[in-house]
Amino acid sequence: MTAGILPSMKIAGLCLFFSNAFFVAFPSCVYGQPTAQISGVVRDSQGAAFKGVTLILLSLQRARKTETDENGKFEFLDLPLGIYELQVRQAGVVQVPAQQISFSEPAVRQISIVLQLAASECFPKFRQLMRIAPIK
């Protein structure tokens, strides 16, 4: 009797394994919604990675927030299809206009953002001198 149960338990275990693997590999099938992704890199005008830049992704449903890593990379995963606005926030740089990104089908968008230092950040000594000795 146990000889008949053991093979059927193995089959049940294999079915469970493969069904879980399917749901991990194809999450949009599980939830019934196709998704999109935004990833990219933020650099300065010299091409160096810009670490710690805040990126905010707005949609009608919610706001998402992330920061660039030490390589200037960022990503937003599992985005429902729709229209988004990407905002970049970093002190001491020229403000970057918000970007509108639209997904009507599943896709991965690669975005490259270049930040320019604000004029006041280019000359910190000069700015400091202006505060010490204002023009009269």
C-alpha atoms as a PDB file:
ATOM      1  CA  MET A   1       0.000   0.000   0.000  1.00  0.00           C
ATOM      2  CA  THR A   2       2.812   2.451   0.761  1.00  0.00           C
ATOM      3  CA  ALA A   3       4.442   1.601  -2.545  1.00  0.00           C
ATOM      4  CA  GLY A   4       1.426   3.100  -4.372  1.00  0.00           C
ATOM      5  CA  ILE A   5       1.310   6.243  -2.208  1.00  0.00           C
ATOM      6  CA  LEU A   6       4.990   7.138  -2.566  1.00  0.00           C
ATOM      7  CA  PRO A   7       4.996   7.620  -6.380  1.00  0.00           C
ATOM      8  CA  SER A   8       1.811   9.672  -6.249  1.00  0.00           C
ATOM      9  CA  MET A   9       3.359  11.908  -3.553  1.00  0.00           C
ATOM     10  CA  LYS A  10       6.384  12.436  -5.810  1.00  0.00           C
ATOM     11  CA  ILE A  11       4.113  13.386  -8.705  1.00  0.00           C
ATOM     12  CA  ALA A  12       2.155  15.790  -6.486  1.00  0.00           C
ATOM     13  CA  GLY A  13       5.422  17.331  -5.268  1.00  0.00           C
ATOM     14  CA  LEU A  14       6.692  17.790  -8.818  1.00  0.00           C
ATOM     15  CA  CYS A  15       3.398  19.382  -9.894  1.00  0.00           C
ATOM     16  CA  LEU A  16       3.599  21.811  -6.970  1.00  0.00           C
ATOM     17  CA  PHE A  17       7.221  22.647  -7.785  1.00  0.00           C
ATOM     18  CA  PHE A  18       6.546  23.344 -11.472  1.00  0.00           C
ATOM     19  CA  SER A  19       3.390  25.353 -10.789  1.00  0.00           C
ATOM     20  CA  ASN A  20       5.303  27.577  -8.337  1.00  0.00           C
ATOM     21  CA  ALA A  21       8.164  27.940 -10.825  1.00  0.00           C
ATOM     22  CA  PHE A  22       5.652  29.023 -13.485  1.00  0.00           C
ATOM     23  CA  PHE A  23       4.147  31.705 -11.228  1.00  0.00           C
ATOM     24  CA  VAL A  24       7.602  33.057 -10.368  1.00  0.00           C
ATOM     25  CA  ALA A  25       8.713  33.100 -14.008  1.00  0.00           C
ATOM     26  CA  PHE A  26       5.488  34.649 -15.323  1.00  0.00           C
ATOM     27  CA  PRO A  27       4.033  36.901 -12.594  1.00  0.00           C
ATOM     28  CA  SER A  28       1.734  38.753 -15.000  1.00  0.00           C
ATOM     29  CA  CYS A  29      -0.084  35.451 -15.644  1.00  0.00           C
ATOM     30  CA  VAL A  30      -0.698  35.061 -11.924  1.00  0.00           C
ATOM     31  CA  TYR A  31      -2.143  38.500 -11.392  1.00  0.00           C
ATOM     32  CA  GLY A  32      -3.767  38.779 -14.786  1.00  0.00           C
ATOM     33  CA  GLN A  33      -2.062  42.107 -15.461  1.00  0.00           C
ATOM     34  CA  PRO A  34       0.847  42.748 -17.790  1.00  0.00           C
ATOM     35  CA  THR A  35       3.521  44.940 -16.230  1.00  0.00           C
ATOM     36  CA  ALA A  36       6.265  47.277 -17.370  1.00  0.00           C
ATOM     37  CA  GLN A  37       9.613  48.391 -16.008  1.00  0.00           C
ATOM     38  CA  ILE A  38      11.701  51.566 -15.991  1.00  0.00           C
ATOM     39  CA  SER A  39      15.416  51.389 -15.360  1.00  0.00           C
ATOM     40  CA  GLY A  40      18.269  53.712 -16.033  1.00  0.00           C
ATOM     41  CA  VAL A  41      21.300  55.600 -14.892  1.00  0.00           C
ATOM     42  CA  VAL A  42      21.969  59.124 -13.627  1.00  0.00           C
ATOM     43  CA  ARG A  43      25.317  60.739 -14.432  1.00  0.00           C
ATOM     44  CA  ASP A  44      26.910  64.150 -14.132  1.00  0.00           C
ATOM     45  CA  SER A  45      28.006  66.167 -17.162  1.00  0.00           C
ATOM     46  CA  GLN A  46      31.443  64.496 -17.039  1.00  0.00           C
ATOM     47  CA  GLY A  47      29.893  61.006 -17.244  1.00  0.00           C
ATOM     48  CA  ALA A  48      30.479  60.016 -13.613  1.00  0.00           C
ATOM     49  CA  ALA A  49      27.767  58.091 -11.769  1.00  0.00           C
ATOM     50  CA  PHE A  50      25.543  60.223  -9.522  1.00  0.00           C
ATOM     51  CA  LYS A  51      24.828  58.328  -6.277  1.00  0.00           C
ATOM     52  CA  GLY A  52      21.859  59.070  -4.002  1.00  0.00           C
ATOM     53  CA  VAL A  53      19.664  60.932  -6.482  1.00  0.00           C
ATOM     54  CA  THR A  54      15.963  60.694  -5.588  1.00  0.00           C
ATOM     55  CA  LEU A  55      13.606  59.638  -8.381  1.00  0.00           C
ATOM     56  CA  ILE A  56       9.843  59.842  -7.948  1.00  0.00           C
ATOM     57  CA  LEU A  57       7.455  58.054 -10.295  1.00  0.00           C
ATOM     58  CA  LEU A  58       3.879  59.359 -10.180  1.00  0.00           C
ATOM     59  CA  SER A  59       0.744  57.785 -11.607  1.00  0.00           C
ATOM     60  CA  LEU A  60      -2.955  58.221 -10.913  1.00  0.00           C
ATOM     61  CA  GLN A  61      -2.856  55.180  -8.623  1.00  0.00           C
ATOM     62  CA  ARG A  62       0.235  55.870  -6.512  1.00  0.00           C
ATOM     63  CA  ALA A  63       3.647  57.458  -6.091  1.00  0.00           C
ATOM     64  CA  ARG A  64       6.824  55.388  -6.043  1.00  0.00           C
ATOM     65  CA  LYS A  65      10.231  56.560  -4.875  1.00  0.00           C
ATOM     66  CA  THR A  66      13.768  55.215  -5.257  1.00  0.00           C
ATOM     67  CA  GLU A  67      17.368  56.404  -5.116  1.00  0.00           C
ATOM     68  CA  THR A  68      20.297  55.755  -7.403  1.00  0.00           C
ATOM     69  CA  ASP A  69      22.904  53.274  -6.187  1.00  0.00           C
ATOM     70  CA  GLU A  70      26.697  53.806  -6.147  1.00  0.00           C
ATOM     71  CA  ASN A  71      26.734  53.227  -9.923  1.00  0.00           C
ATOM     72  CA  GLY A  72      24.002  55.815 -10.533  1.00  0.00           C
ATOM     73  CA  LYS A  73      21.500  53.068 -11.446  1.00  0.00           C
ATOM     74  CA  PHE A  74      17.814  52.946 -10.554  1.00  0.00           C
ATOM     75  CA  GLU A  75      14.756  50.875 -11.421  1.00  0.00           C
ATOM     76  CA  PHE A  76      11.010  50.740 -10.989  1.00  0.00           C
ATOM     77  CA  LEU A  77       9.620  47.205 -11.368  1.00  0.00           C
ATOM     78  CA  ASP A  78       6.157  45.669 -11.802  1.00  0.00           C
ATOM     79  CA  LEU A  79       4.483  48.824 -13.108  1.00  0.00           C
ATOM     80  CA  PRO A  80       0.876  48.461 -14.262  1.00  0.00           C
ATOM     81  CA  LEU A  81       0.381  49.723 -17.803  1.00  0.00           C
ATOM     82  CA  GLY A  82      -0.495  53.410 -17.927  1.00  0.00           C
ATOM     83  CA  ILE A  83       0.951  56.911 -17.885  1.00  0.00           C
ATOM     84  CA  TYR A  84       3.686  57.976 -15.468  1.00  0.00           C
ATOM     85  CA  GLU A  85       5.605  61.127 -14.637  1.00  0.00           C
ATOM     86  CA  LEU A  86       9.259  60.723 -13.622  1.00  0.00           C
ATOM     87  CA  GLN A  87      10.695  63.460 -11.412  1.00  0.00           C
ATOM     88  CA  VAL A  88      14.349  63.858 -10.424  1.00  0.00           C
ATOM     89  CA  ARG A  89      15.266  65.516  -7.134  1.00  0.00           C
ATOM     90  CA  GLN A  90      18.805  66.433  -6.178  1.00  0.00           C
ATOM     91  CA  ALA A  91      20.079  69.490  -4.317  1.00  0.00           C
ATOM     92  CA  GLY A  92      22.750  71.563  -6.032  1.00  0.00           C
ATOM     93  CA  VAL A  93      21.873  70.664  -9.613  1.00  0.00           C
ATOM     94  CA  VAL A  94      19.930  72.363 -12.374  1.00  0.00           C
ATOM     95  CA  GLN A  95      16.348  71.121 -12.119  1.00  0.00           C
ATOM     96  CA  VAL A  96      15.503  68.447 -14.669  1.00  0.00           C
ATOM     97  CA  PRO A  97      12.053  68.755 -16.272  1.00  0.00           C
ATOM     98  CA  ALA A  98       9.668  65.913 -15.400  1.00  0.00           C
ATOM     99  CA  GLN A  99       9.420  63.207 -18.071  1.00  0.00           C
ATOM    100  CA  GLN A 100       6.161  61.607 -19.118  1.00  0.00           C
ATOM    101  CA  ILE A 101       6.431  57.880 -19.791  1.00  0.00           C
ATOM    102  CA  SER A 102       3.548  55.851 -21.191  1.00  0.00           C
ATOM    103  CA  PHE A 103       3.081  52.077 -21.384  1.00  0.00           C
ATOM    104  CA  SER A 104       0.292  50.594 -23.495  1.00  0.00           C
ATOM    105  CA  GLU A 105       1.924  47.160 -23.530  1.00  0.00           C
ATOM    106  CA  PRO A 106       4.577  45.390 -21.416  1.00  0.00           C
ATOM    107  CA  ALA A 107       8.004  46.914 -21.993  1.00  0.00           C
ATOM    108  CA  VAL A 108      11.282  47.861 -20.354  1.00  0.00           C
ATOM    109  CA  ARG A 109      12.285  51.517 -20.798  1.00  0.00           C
ATOM    110  CA  GLN A 110      15.924  52.462 -20.383  1.00  0.00           C
ATOM    111  CA  ILE A 111      16.416  56.070 -19.325  1.00  0.00           C
ATOM    112  CA  SER A 112      19.649  58.041 -19.161  1.00  0.00           C
ATOM    113  CA  ILE A 113      19.634  61.269 -17.142  1.00  0.00           C
ATOM    114  CA  VAL A 114      22.458  63.816 -17.094  1.00  0.00           C
ATOM    115  CA  LEU A 115      22.553  66.292 -14.209  1.00  0.00           C
ATOM    116  CA  GLN A 116      24.353  69.636 -14.422  1.00  0.00           C
ATOM    117  CA  LEU A 117      25.694  71.286 -11.293  1.00  0.00           C
ATOM    118  CA  ALA A 118      23.970  74.557 -10.503  1.00  0.00           C
ATOM    119  CA  ALA A 119      26.184  77.629 -10.993  1.00  0.00           C
ATOM    120  CA  SER A 120      26.264  78.266  -7.246  1.00  0.00           C
ATOM    121  CA  GLU A 121      27.656  74.749  -6.690  1.00  0.00           C
ATOM    122  CA  CYS A 122      30.429  75.234  -9.256  1.00  0.00           C
ATOM    123  CA  PHE A 123      32.006  78.059  -7.290  1.00  0.00           C
ATOM    124  CA  PRO A 124      31.540  77.311  -3.568  1.00  0.00           C
ATOM    125  CA  LYS A 125      34.504  79.493  -2.503  1.00  0.00           C
ATOM    126  CA  PHE A 126      33.128  82.447  -4.467  1.00  0.00           C
ATOM    127  CA  ARG A 127      29.704  81.917  -2.929  1.00  0.00           C
ATOM    128  CA  GLN A 128      31.256  81.772   0.535  1.00  0.00           C
ATOM    129  CA  LEU A 129      33.164  85.036  -0.095  1.00  0.00           C
ATOM    130  CA  MET A 130      29.982  86.763  -1.234  1.00  0.00           C
ATOM    131  CA  ARG A 131      28.355  85.911   2.101  1.00  0.00           C
ATOM    132  CA  ILE A 132      31.320  87.179   4.115  1.00  0.00           C
ATOM    133  CA  ALA A 133      31.823  90.425   2.230  1.00  0.00           C
ATOM    134  CA  PRO A 134      28.553  91.534   0.622  1.00  0.00           C
ATOM    135  CA  ILE A 135      28.701  94.333  -1.921  1.00  0.00           C
ATOM    136  CA  LYS A 136      27.585  97.675  -0.482  1.00  0.00           C
END
